[in-house]
N, C-alpha and C. Protein backbone atom coordinates (compact mmCIF):
# COMPACT_ATOMS: atom_id res chain seq x y z
N UNK A 1 212.94 0.09 -98.01
CA UNK A 1 214.25 -0.19 -97.47
C UNK A 1 214.56 0.82 -96.38
N UNK A 2 214.90 0.33 -95.21
CA UNK A 2 215.22 1.17 -94.07
C UNK A 2 216.67 1.65 -94.18
N UNK A 3 216.89 2.92 -93.89
CA UNK A 3 218.25 3.46 -93.89
C UNK A 3 218.98 3.02 -92.63
N UNK A 4 220.26 2.67 -92.75
CA UNK A 4 221.00 2.33 -91.52
C UNK A 4 221.12 3.57 -90.65
N UNK A 5 221.02 3.37 -89.36
CA UNK A 5 221.12 4.50 -88.42
C UNK A 5 222.55 5.04 -88.45
N UNK A 6 222.64 6.35 -88.43
CA UNK A 6 223.95 6.99 -88.36
C UNK A 6 223.79 8.38 -87.76
N UNK A 7 224.89 8.88 -87.27
CA UNK A 7 224.96 10.25 -86.76
C UNK A 7 226.25 10.85 -87.29
N UNK A 8 226.17 12.08 -87.73
CA UNK A 8 227.38 12.77 -88.19
C UNK A 8 228.29 12.97 -86.96
N UNK A 9 229.56 12.60 -87.06
CA UNK A 9 230.47 12.78 -85.90
C UNK A 9 230.53 14.25 -85.46
N UNK A 10 230.54 14.45 -84.16
CA UNK A 10 230.53 15.80 -83.59
C UNK A 10 231.67 16.69 -84.12
N UNK A 11 232.91 16.19 -84.26
CA UNK A 11 233.96 17.06 -84.80
C UNK A 11 233.65 17.56 -86.21
N UNK A 12 233.07 16.69 -87.03
CA UNK A 12 232.70 17.09 -88.39
C UNK A 12 231.58 18.12 -88.35
N UNK A 13 230.60 17.91 -87.49
CA UNK A 13 229.50 18.86 -87.34
C UNK A 13 230.00 20.23 -86.89
N UNK A 14 230.97 20.26 -85.99
CA UNK A 14 231.53 21.55 -85.54
C UNK A 14 232.27 22.23 -86.69
N UNK A 15 232.98 21.45 -87.50
CA UNK A 15 233.70 22.02 -88.64
C UNK A 15 232.72 22.59 -89.66
N UNK A 16 231.70 21.84 -90.01
CA UNK A 16 230.70 22.31 -90.98
C UNK A 16 230.00 23.56 -90.46
N UNK A 17 229.75 23.60 -89.14
CA UNK A 17 229.10 24.75 -88.54
C UNK A 17 229.90 26.04 -88.67
N UNK A 18 231.17 25.94 -88.93
CA UNK A 18 232.03 27.12 -89.09
C UNK A 18 232.16 27.58 -90.54
N UNK A 19 231.68 26.77 -91.47
CA UNK A 19 231.79 27.12 -92.89
C UNK A 19 230.74 28.16 -93.26
N UNK A 20 230.97 28.91 -94.34
CA UNK A 20 229.96 29.88 -94.80
C UNK A 20 228.64 29.19 -95.10
N UNK A 21 227.55 29.86 -94.77
CA UNK A 21 226.22 29.26 -94.93
C UNK A 21 225.59 29.54 -96.28
N UNK A 22 226.08 30.52 -96.99
CA UNK A 22 225.44 30.89 -98.25
C UNK A 22 225.56 29.82 -99.34
N UNK A 23 226.73 29.21 -99.57
CA UNK A 23 226.81 28.22 -100.66
C UNK A 23 225.80 27.07 -100.55
N UNK A 24 225.65 26.42 -99.38
CA UNK A 24 224.64 25.36 -99.32
C UNK A 24 223.22 25.90 -99.52
N UNK A 25 222.95 27.10 -99.04
CA UNK A 25 221.62 27.69 -99.23
C UNK A 25 221.36 27.95 -100.71
N UNK A 26 222.37 28.37 -101.46
CA UNK A 26 222.21 28.59 -102.89
C UNK A 26 221.91 27.28 -103.62
N UNK A 27 222.58 26.20 -103.21
CA UNK A 27 222.35 24.90 -103.84
C UNK A 27 220.91 24.42 -103.58
N UNK A 28 220.47 24.54 -102.33
CA UNK A 28 219.11 24.10 -101.99
C UNK A 28 218.08 24.98 -102.71
N UNK A 29 218.33 26.29 -102.76
CA UNK A 29 217.41 27.19 -103.47
C UNK A 29 217.32 26.83 -104.93
N UNK A 30 218.44 26.53 -105.55
CA UNK A 30 218.45 26.14 -106.97
C UNK A 30 217.67 24.84 -107.17
N UNK A 31 217.87 23.86 -106.30
CA UNK A 31 217.15 22.58 -106.42
C UNK A 31 215.65 22.80 -106.25
N UNK A 32 215.26 23.63 -105.29
CA UNK A 32 213.83 23.90 -105.09
C UNK A 32 213.24 24.64 -106.29
N UNK A 33 214.01 25.54 -106.88
CA UNK A 33 213.52 26.26 -108.06
C UNK A 33 213.33 25.32 -109.25
N UNK A 34 214.20 24.34 -109.37
CA UNK A 34 214.03 23.35 -110.45
C UNK A 34 212.79 22.50 -110.22
N UNK A 35 212.47 22.23 -108.96
CA UNK A 35 211.32 21.40 -108.63
C UNK A 35 210.01 22.19 -108.60
N UNK A 36 210.11 23.49 -108.37
CA UNK A 36 208.91 24.33 -108.22
C UNK A 36 208.09 24.28 -109.51
N UNK A 37 206.82 23.95 -109.35
CA UNK A 37 205.93 23.85 -110.50
C UNK A 37 205.97 22.48 -111.15
N UNK A 38 207.01 21.71 -110.91
CA UNK A 38 207.10 20.36 -111.47
C UNK A 38 206.70 19.33 -110.41
N UNK A 39 207.29 19.45 -109.21
CA UNK A 39 207.02 18.50 -108.15
C UNK A 39 206.00 19.01 -107.13
N UNK A 40 205.91 20.31 -107.00
CA UNK A 40 204.91 20.88 -106.09
C UNK A 40 204.36 22.15 -106.71
N UNK A 41 203.09 22.46 -106.44
CA UNK A 41 202.47 23.63 -107.05
C UNK A 41 203.13 24.93 -106.60
N UNK A 42 203.27 25.84 -107.53
CA UNK A 42 203.93 27.12 -107.26
C UNK A 42 203.20 27.90 -106.16
N UNK A 43 201.88 27.88 -106.20
CA UNK A 43 201.12 28.69 -105.25
C UNK A 43 200.99 28.05 -103.87
N UNK A 44 201.39 26.80 -103.71
CA UNK A 44 201.23 26.11 -102.43
C UNK A 44 202.02 26.78 -101.31
N UNK A 45 203.15 27.36 -101.65
CA UNK A 45 204.00 27.97 -100.64
C UNK A 45 203.91 29.49 -100.62
N UNK A 46 202.86 30.04 -101.21
CA UNK A 46 202.69 31.50 -101.26
C UNK A 46 202.82 32.17 -99.89
N UNK A 47 202.33 31.57 -98.78
CA UNK A 47 202.50 32.22 -97.48
C UNK A 47 203.97 32.38 -97.06
N UNK A 48 204.87 31.67 -97.72
CA UNK A 48 206.30 31.78 -97.42
C UNK A 48 206.95 32.99 -98.08
N UNK A 49 206.24 33.63 -98.99
CA UNK A 49 206.78 34.77 -99.75
C UNK A 49 207.34 35.84 -98.81
N UNK A 50 208.62 36.15 -98.99
CA UNK A 50 209.28 37.19 -98.20
C UNK A 50 209.63 36.79 -96.79
N UNK A 51 209.43 35.54 -96.44
CA UNK A 51 209.71 35.07 -95.08
C UNK A 51 210.94 34.17 -95.12
N UNK A 52 211.59 34.02 -93.99
CA UNK A 52 212.81 33.21 -93.90
C UNK A 52 212.50 31.84 -93.32
N UNK A 53 212.81 30.80 -94.10
CA UNK A 53 212.68 29.40 -93.68
C UNK A 53 214.09 28.90 -93.37
N UNK A 54 214.28 28.40 -92.17
CA UNK A 54 215.58 27.84 -91.79
C UNK A 54 215.47 26.33 -91.68
N UNK A 55 216.36 25.63 -92.36
CA UNK A 55 216.49 24.18 -92.25
C UNK A 55 217.77 23.91 -91.49
N UNK A 56 217.69 23.17 -90.40
CA UNK A 56 218.87 22.85 -89.60
C UNK A 56 219.09 21.35 -89.57
N UNK A 57 220.27 20.94 -90.00
CA UNK A 57 220.68 19.55 -89.88
C UNK A 57 221.56 19.53 -88.63
N UNK A 58 220.95 19.20 -87.51
CA UNK A 58 221.57 19.46 -86.21
C UNK A 58 222.89 18.73 -86.01
N UNK A 59 222.99 17.47 -86.39
CA UNK A 59 224.24 16.75 -86.15
C UNK A 59 225.33 17.15 -87.14
N UNK A 60 224.96 17.71 -88.27
CA UNK A 60 225.94 18.12 -89.29
C UNK A 60 226.38 19.57 -89.11
N UNK A 61 225.77 20.29 -88.17
CA UNK A 61 226.13 21.70 -87.99
C UNK A 61 225.73 22.57 -89.16
N UNK A 62 224.78 22.10 -89.96
CA UNK A 62 224.38 22.79 -91.18
C UNK A 62 223.10 23.58 -90.95
N UNK A 63 223.14 24.84 -91.33
CA UNK A 63 221.96 25.70 -91.23
C UNK A 63 221.77 26.38 -92.58
N UNK A 64 220.58 26.19 -93.14
CA UNK A 64 220.28 26.72 -94.47
C UNK A 64 219.11 27.68 -94.33
N UNK A 65 219.35 28.94 -94.66
CA UNK A 65 218.32 29.97 -94.60
C UNK A 65 217.86 30.31 -96.01
N UNK A 66 216.56 30.13 -96.24
CA UNK A 66 215.98 30.37 -97.55
C UNK A 66 214.84 31.37 -97.44
N UNK A 67 214.57 32.02 -98.54
CA UNK A 67 213.40 32.88 -98.64
C UNK A 67 212.76 32.64 -100.00
N UNK A 68 211.47 32.88 -100.07
CA UNK A 68 210.77 32.77 -101.33
C UNK A 68 210.49 34.18 -101.85
N UNK A 69 210.94 34.44 -103.06
CA UNK A 69 210.73 35.74 -103.70
C UNK A 69 209.74 35.54 -104.84
N UNK A 70 209.25 36.60 -105.44
CA UNK A 70 208.37 36.42 -106.61
C UNK A 70 209.04 35.64 -107.76
N UNK A 71 210.36 35.64 -107.79
CA UNK A 71 211.08 34.93 -108.86
C UNK A 71 211.47 33.51 -108.48
N UNK A 72 211.25 33.13 -107.21
CA UNK A 72 211.61 31.78 -106.78
C UNK A 72 212.36 31.80 -105.46
N UNK A 73 212.92 30.66 -105.12
CA UNK A 73 213.66 30.54 -103.86
C UNK A 73 215.03 31.19 -104.01
N UNK A 74 215.52 31.72 -102.88
CA UNK A 74 216.84 32.34 -102.84
C UNK A 74 217.42 32.12 -101.45
N UNK A 75 218.74 32.22 -101.37
CA UNK A 75 219.38 32.21 -100.05
C UNK A 75 218.95 33.48 -99.33
N UNK A 76 218.55 33.34 -98.08
CA UNK A 76 218.17 34.51 -97.30
C UNK A 76 219.41 35.34 -97.01
N UNK A 77 219.28 36.66 -96.92
CA UNK A 77 220.44 37.49 -96.61
C UNK A 77 221.07 37.08 -95.28
N UNK A 78 222.38 37.14 -95.18
CA UNK A 78 223.05 36.79 -93.92
C UNK A 78 222.45 37.59 -92.76
N UNK A 79 222.28 36.91 -91.64
CA UNK A 79 221.74 37.56 -90.46
C UNK A 79 220.23 37.63 -90.42
N UNK A 80 219.55 37.04 -91.40
CA UNK A 80 218.08 37.05 -91.41
C UNK A 80 217.55 36.27 -90.22
N UNK A 81 216.52 36.81 -89.61
CA UNK A 81 215.84 36.08 -88.53
C UNK A 81 214.87 35.10 -89.15
N UNK A 82 214.90 33.88 -88.68
CA UNK A 82 214.03 32.84 -89.23
C UNK A 82 212.60 33.02 -88.73
N UNK A 83 211.65 32.95 -89.65
CA UNK A 83 210.24 32.95 -89.29
C UNK A 83 209.82 31.56 -88.81
N UNK A 84 210.43 30.54 -89.43
CA UNK A 84 210.17 29.16 -89.03
C UNK A 84 211.47 28.37 -89.21
N UNK A 85 211.72 27.48 -88.27
CA UNK A 85 212.90 26.61 -88.33
C UNK A 85 212.43 25.17 -88.27
N UNK A 86 212.89 24.39 -89.24
CA UNK A 86 212.62 22.95 -89.26
C UNK A 86 213.96 22.26 -89.05
N UNK A 87 214.05 21.47 -88.00
CA UNK A 87 215.34 20.84 -87.70
C UNK A 87 215.18 19.35 -87.43
N UNK A 88 216.23 18.62 -87.81
CA UNK A 88 216.30 17.17 -87.60
C UNK A 88 217.75 16.76 -87.82
N UNK A 89 218.03 15.50 -87.58
CA UNK A 89 219.37 14.97 -87.86
C UNK A 89 219.49 14.69 -89.35
N UNK A 90 220.71 14.49 -89.81
CA UNK A 90 220.93 14.15 -91.22
C UNK A 90 220.19 12.85 -91.57
N UNK A 91 220.27 11.87 -90.69
CA UNK A 91 219.59 10.59 -90.92
C UNK A 91 218.09 10.79 -91.09
N UNK A 92 217.50 11.61 -90.21
CA UNK A 92 216.05 11.80 -90.28
C UNK A 92 215.63 12.58 -91.52
N UNK A 93 216.41 13.58 -91.93
CA UNK A 93 216.08 14.28 -93.18
C UNK A 93 216.18 13.33 -94.37
N UNK A 94 217.21 12.48 -94.39
CA UNK A 94 217.34 11.51 -95.49
C UNK A 94 216.20 10.50 -95.46
N UNK A 95 215.80 10.07 -94.27
CA UNK A 95 214.69 9.13 -94.16
C UNK A 95 213.39 9.77 -94.65
N UNK A 96 213.21 11.06 -94.38
CA UNK A 96 212.03 11.76 -94.91
C UNK A 96 212.07 11.81 -96.43
N UNK A 97 213.25 12.15 -96.97
CA UNK A 97 213.39 12.24 -98.43
C UNK A 97 213.17 10.88 -99.09
N UNK A 98 213.63 9.82 -98.45
CA UNK A 98 213.49 8.47 -99.01
C UNK A 98 212.12 7.88 -98.71
N UNK A 99 211.31 8.60 -97.94
CA UNK A 99 209.97 8.15 -97.55
C UNK A 99 209.99 6.86 -96.72
N UNK A 100 211.07 6.66 -95.96
CA UNK A 100 211.11 5.51 -95.06
C UNK A 100 210.64 5.88 -93.66
N UNK A 101 210.46 7.16 -93.41
CA UNK A 101 209.94 7.65 -92.13
C UNK A 101 208.81 8.62 -92.42
N UNK A 102 207.82 8.59 -91.57
CA UNK A 102 206.68 9.48 -91.68
C UNK A 102 206.98 10.76 -90.90
N UNK A 103 206.76 11.94 -91.53
CA UNK A 103 207.08 13.18 -90.82
C UNK A 103 206.29 13.35 -89.52
N UNK A 104 205.06 12.88 -89.48
CA UNK A 104 204.27 13.02 -88.27
C UNK A 104 204.85 12.20 -87.12
N UNK A 105 205.29 10.96 -87.41
CA UNK A 105 205.87 10.16 -86.35
C UNK A 105 207.20 10.76 -85.88
N UNK A 106 207.99 11.29 -86.80
CA UNK A 106 209.23 11.97 -86.38
C UNK A 106 208.92 13.18 -85.52
N UNK A 107 207.90 13.93 -85.91
CA UNK A 107 207.51 15.12 -85.17
C UNK A 107 207.06 14.75 -83.75
N UNK A 108 206.19 13.75 -83.64
CA UNK A 108 205.67 13.38 -82.32
C UNK A 108 206.71 12.66 -81.47
N UNK A 109 207.74 12.11 -82.08
CA UNK A 109 208.86 11.51 -81.33
C UNK A 109 209.97 12.53 -81.08
N UNK A 110 209.71 13.78 -81.41
CA UNK A 110 210.64 14.91 -81.20
C UNK A 110 211.95 14.75 -81.96
N UNK A 111 211.89 14.07 -83.08
CA UNK A 111 213.07 13.94 -83.94
C UNK A 111 213.02 14.96 -85.07
N UNK A 112 211.85 15.50 -85.35
CA UNK A 112 211.66 16.58 -86.31
C UNK A 112 211.02 17.72 -85.52
N UNK A 113 211.70 18.87 -85.52
CA UNK A 113 211.21 20.00 -84.74
C UNK A 113 210.83 21.14 -85.67
N UNK A 114 209.73 21.78 -85.32
CA UNK A 114 209.28 22.99 -86.02
C UNK A 114 209.16 24.07 -84.97
N UNK A 115 209.91 25.16 -85.16
CA UNK A 115 209.91 26.25 -84.20
C UNK A 115 209.59 27.55 -84.93
N UNK A 116 209.02 28.49 -84.19
CA UNK A 116 208.65 29.77 -84.79
C UNK A 116 207.21 29.71 -85.25
N UNK A 117 206.96 30.16 -86.45
CA UNK A 117 205.61 30.15 -87.01
C UNK A 117 205.25 28.71 -87.39
N UNK A 118 204.68 27.98 -86.45
CA UNK A 118 204.42 26.55 -86.69
C UNK A 118 203.40 26.33 -87.80
N UNK A 119 202.47 27.26 -87.97
CA UNK A 119 201.51 27.12 -89.07
C UNK A 119 202.24 27.14 -90.41
N UNK A 120 203.21 28.04 -90.54
CA UNK A 120 204.02 28.11 -91.76
C UNK A 120 204.86 26.85 -91.90
N UNK A 121 205.42 26.36 -90.80
CA UNK A 121 206.21 25.13 -90.83
C UNK A 121 205.39 23.93 -91.24
N UNK A 122 204.17 23.84 -90.75
CA UNK A 122 203.29 22.73 -91.13
C UNK A 122 202.90 22.82 -92.61
N UNK A 123 202.72 24.04 -93.11
CA UNK A 123 202.43 24.23 -94.53
C UNK A 123 203.59 23.70 -95.37
N UNK A 124 204.82 24.05 -94.99
CA UNK A 124 206.01 23.58 -95.72
C UNK A 124 206.10 22.06 -95.63
N UNK A 125 205.95 21.52 -94.43
CA UNK A 125 206.04 20.07 -94.23
C UNK A 125 204.98 19.34 -95.05
N UNK A 126 203.75 19.82 -95.02
CA UNK A 126 202.68 19.16 -95.76
C UNK A 126 202.87 19.27 -97.27
N UNK A 127 203.37 20.40 -97.73
CA UNK A 127 203.63 20.57 -99.17
C UNK A 127 204.72 19.61 -99.63
N UNK A 128 205.81 19.53 -98.86
CA UNK A 128 206.90 18.63 -99.23
C UNK A 128 206.47 17.17 -99.11
N UNK A 129 205.62 16.87 -98.12
CA UNK A 129 205.15 15.50 -97.94
C UNK A 129 204.24 15.07 -99.09
N UNK A 130 203.59 16.01 -99.74
CA UNK A 130 202.66 15.69 -100.83
C UNK A 130 203.36 15.51 -102.18
N UNK A 131 204.65 15.76 -102.24
CA UNK A 131 205.39 15.64 -103.50
C UNK A 131 205.39 14.18 -103.96
N UNK A 132 205.08 13.98 -105.23
CA UNK A 132 205.12 12.64 -105.82
C UNK A 132 206.55 12.38 -106.30
N UNK A 133 207.30 11.65 -105.49
CA UNK A 133 208.70 11.40 -105.82
C UNK A 133 208.88 10.37 -106.93
N UNK A 134 207.81 9.72 -107.34
CA UNK A 134 207.94 8.73 -108.41
C UNK A 134 208.38 9.38 -109.72
N UNK A 135 208.14 10.70 -109.88
CA UNK A 135 208.59 11.36 -111.10
C UNK A 135 210.10 11.44 -111.17
N UNK A 136 210.76 11.21 -110.02
CA UNK A 136 212.22 11.24 -110.00
C UNK A 136 212.84 9.86 -110.21
N UNK A 137 212.01 8.85 -110.43
CA UNK A 137 212.53 7.50 -110.64
C UNK A 137 213.47 7.52 -111.84
N UNK A 138 214.60 6.83 -111.76
CA UNK A 138 215.59 6.88 -112.84
C UNK A 138 215.02 6.52 -114.21
N UNK A 139 214.12 5.55 -114.26
CA UNK A 139 213.56 5.15 -115.56
C UNK A 139 212.77 6.30 -116.18
N UNK A 140 211.99 7.00 -115.37
CA UNK A 140 211.19 8.11 -115.89
C UNK A 140 212.09 9.26 -116.33
N UNK A 141 213.15 9.53 -115.56
CA UNK A 141 214.06 10.60 -115.95
C UNK A 141 214.76 10.28 -117.26
N UNK A 142 215.20 9.02 -117.42
CA UNK A 142 215.87 8.63 -118.67
C UNK A 142 214.93 8.77 -119.85
N UNK A 143 213.66 8.38 -119.68
CA UNK A 143 212.69 8.53 -120.78
C UNK A 143 212.54 9.99 -121.17
N UNK A 144 212.52 10.86 -120.20
CA UNK A 144 212.35 12.29 -120.49
C UNK A 144 213.57 12.88 -121.20
N UNK A 145 214.74 12.29 -120.97
CA UNK A 145 215.95 12.81 -121.58
C UNK A 145 216.18 12.31 -123.00
N UNK A 146 215.46 11.28 -123.41
CA UNK A 146 215.63 10.75 -124.76
C UNK A 146 215.10 11.75 -125.77
N UNK A 147 215.79 11.87 -126.91
CA UNK A 147 215.29 12.78 -127.95
C UNK A 147 213.90 12.38 -128.41
N UNK A 148 213.07 13.37 -128.64
CA UNK A 148 211.73 13.14 -129.14
C UNK A 148 210.70 12.81 -128.07
N UNK A 149 211.10 12.91 -126.78
CA UNK A 149 210.14 12.62 -125.70
C UNK A 149 209.90 13.83 -124.86
């Protein structure tokens, strides 16, 4: 199923861009920590250890700075310089998550940008692209939540 095209309105993006960046980074770090070892191998992102990964949702004015520590993902300290930045529109990030768009085609069409340490960015992109999202299917999650399973 193709996602309908949309763009976050510029006034909303400017407003979001003025909000504190730490709360969304904490939410994303928590989600990645829940997935780490379940959806992607723990050691796959070892080169990210101690480095700052920036995710930018350009039309939403959202910038999320993360770092990987020995204990898991965390919000990067304010003012951290990004080692790699992966940026796209909200629509394109959602299309990637829903697997309705291929990251390589978005990259070559300049809708997904990787800046900074591109080798590190490609490692992150390839690791996330290899995640088997079928484990998140509602039926499988419900089975796992039933007592005795």
